[in-house]
Amino acid sequence: MAEILRAAPHRRFVGAAITCIVAALYAGGADASTFTLSCKNQLREYTLSFDDRSQTLTWRSGGVQTDYLVHQVRNDPDRLQITGVTHDHGPSFLATFRPERQIAYSYPNKSQQTDACR
């Protein structure tokens, strides 16, 4: 800090600007949220976590973890829904965190599977 004070005026300005940017980034983190669903189907129980800052949906079960590819997020006071695909050429999904709590998987040319969540 003492070096910044002894530095030329433009260096002090740059140092102050960097400090302000870092403070703003940390302040912005207060608005970020992670939403979680605990779901179950006929094969296993699993957890889905959505981080609204990074826009990622993560699936976890039995020590295995994978990130789903998110295509669209609808996040308003009444509804939080995320759509995308589980992996390349995999089933698409519609994860609903509110008002109901569920995830529906749609398989190409096949049926749809809906897992109940809490």
Protein backbone atom coordinates (compact mmCIF):
# COMPACT_ATOMS: atom_id res chain seq x y z
CA MET A 1 0.00 0.00 0.00
CA ALA A 2 2.85 2.38 0.81
CA GLU A 3 4.26 1.77 -2.67
CA ILE A 4 0.97 2.88 -4.20
CA LEU A 5 1.05 6.14 -2.20
CA ARG A 6 4.63 6.88 -3.31
CA ALA A 7 3.93 5.97 -6.94
CA ALA A 8 3.20 8.41 -9.71
CA PRO A 9 -0.39 9.80 -9.80
CA HIS A 10 -1.46 7.55 -12.68
CA ARG A 11 -0.28 4.47 -10.75
CA ARG A 12 -2.29 5.55 -7.70
CA PHE A 13 -5.33 5.94 -9.94
CA VAL A 14 -4.85 2.44 -11.41
CA GLY A 15 -4.40 0.96 -7.93
CA ALA A 16 -7.58 2.66 -6.70
CA ALA A 17 -9.49 1.51 -9.80
CA ILE A 18 -8.42 -2.10 -9.25
CA THR A 19 -9.50 -1.90 -5.60
CA CYS A 20 -12.93 -0.59 -6.66
CA ILE A 21 -13.36 -3.33 -9.26
CA VAL A 22 -12.48 -6.06 -6.76
CA ALA A 23 -14.89 -4.58 -4.19
CA ALA A 24 -17.67 -4.44 -6.80
CA LEU A 25 -17.11 -8.06 -7.79
CA TYR A 26 -17.36 -9.21 -4.19
CA ALA A 27 -20.47 -7.11 -3.61
CA GLY A 28 -22.12 -8.64 -6.68
CA GLY A 29 -21.73 -12.10 -5.15
CA ALA A 30 -24.35 -11.31 -2.54
CA ASP A 31 -27.06 -11.68 -5.18
CA ALA A 32 -25.94 -15.12 -6.37
CA SER A 33 -27.83 -18.20 -5.20
CA THR A 34 -27.56 -21.96 -5.44
CA PHE A 35 -30.78 -23.98 -5.67
CA THR A 36 -30.89 -27.70 -4.87
CA LEU A 37 -33.29 -30.55 -5.61
CA SER A 38 -33.14 -34.03 -4.06
CA CYS A 39 -34.70 -36.41 -6.59
CA LYS A 40 -35.44 -40.11 -6.90
CA ASN A 41 -36.26 -42.46 -9.76
CA GLN A 42 -36.52 -46.24 -10.02
CA LEU A 43 -32.71 -46.60 -10.21
CA ARG A 44 -31.26 -44.15 -7.67
CA GLU A 45 -31.49 -41.05 -5.57
CA TYR A 46 -29.58 -38.03 -6.81
CA THR A 47 -29.10 -34.31 -6.25
CA LEU A 48 -29.36 -31.46 -8.74
CA SER A 49 -27.76 -28.10 -7.93
CA PHE A 50 -28.21 -24.94 -9.98
CA ASP A 51 -25.81 -22.01 -9.53
CA ASP A 52 -27.48 -18.91 -10.97
CA ARG A 53 -24.19 -17.03 -11.24
CA SER A 54 -22.37 -19.59 -13.41
CA GLN A 55 -25.62 -20.89 -14.97
CA THR A 56 -24.62 -24.51 -14.36
CA LEU A 57 -26.81 -27.46 -13.36
CA THR A 58 -24.84 -30.21 -11.62
CA TRP A 59 -26.04 -33.81 -11.13
CA ARG A 60 -24.57 -35.82 -8.21
CA SER A 61 -25.11 -39.39 -7.06
CA GLY A 62 -22.91 -41.87 -5.20
CA GLY A 63 -19.73 -39.84 -5.57
CA VAL A 64 -20.27 -39.26 -9.31
CA GLN A 65 -20.80 -35.73 -10.60
CA THR A 66 -21.57 -34.26 -14.02
CA ASP A 67 -22.61 -30.85 -15.30
CA TYR A 68 -25.63 -30.71 -17.60
CA LEU A 69 -25.56 -28.37 -20.62
CA VAL A 70 -27.92 -25.47 -19.81
CA HIS A 71 -29.72 -23.89 -22.77
CA GLN A 72 -32.24 -21.60 -21.09
CA VAL A 73 -33.12 -20.33 -17.61
CA ARG A 74 -36.44 -18.83 -16.59
CA ASN A 75 -36.00 -17.19 -13.20
CA ASP A 76 -38.74 -14.89 -12.00
CA PRO A 77 -40.56 -14.58 -8.65
CA ASP A 78 -43.10 -17.28 -9.59
CA ARG A 79 -40.97 -19.79 -11.46
CA LEU A 80 -37.44 -21.16 -11.73
CA GLN A 81 -37.00 -23.54 -14.67
CA ILE A 82 -33.85 -24.69 -16.41
CA THR A 83 -33.80 -26.46 -19.78
CA GLY A 84 -30.94 -28.15 -21.62
CA VAL A 85 -29.42 -31.55 -22.34
CA THR A 86 -27.73 -34.01 -20.00
CA HIS A 87 -24.77 -34.50 -22.37
CA ASP A 88 -24.07 -34.55 -26.10
CA HIS A 89 -26.83 -36.53 -27.83
CA GLY A 90 -28.37 -37.33 -24.44
CA PRO A 91 -31.90 -36.68 -23.27
CA SER A 92 -33.10 -33.12 -22.87
CA PHE A 93 -34.36 -31.97 -19.48
CA LEU A 94 -36.69 -29.48 -17.85
CA ALA A 95 -35.75 -28.95 -14.20
CA THR A 96 -38.35 -27.04 -12.16
CA PHE A 97 -37.30 -25.62 -8.79
CA ARG A 98 -40.45 -23.55 -8.20
CA PRO A 99 -43.39 -23.63 -7.90
CA GLU A 100 -43.26 -27.45 -8.09
CA ARG A 101 -40.04 -29.44 -7.63
CA GLN A 102 -39.33 -32.00 -10.36
CA ILE A 103 -37.22 -32.84 -13.37
CA ALA A 104 -38.52 -34.22 -16.64
CA TYR A 105 -36.23 -36.01 -19.10
CA SER A 106 -37.24 -36.29 -22.77
CA TYR A 107 -35.54 -38.97 -24.82
CA PRO A 108 -35.35 -38.57 -28.61
CA ASN A 109 -38.09 -40.66 -30.27
CA LYS A 110 -38.98 -42.16 -26.88
CA SER A 111 -41.09 -41.43 -23.87
CA GLN A 112 -40.64 -38.83 -21.17
CA GLN A 113 -39.58 -39.63 -17.63
CA THR A 114 -40.47 -37.35 -14.71
CA ASP A 115 -38.68 -37.72 -11.38
CA ALA A 116 -40.23 -36.36 -8.22
CA CYS A 117 -38.02 -34.10 -6.13
CA ARG A 118 -38.07 -32.42 -2.77
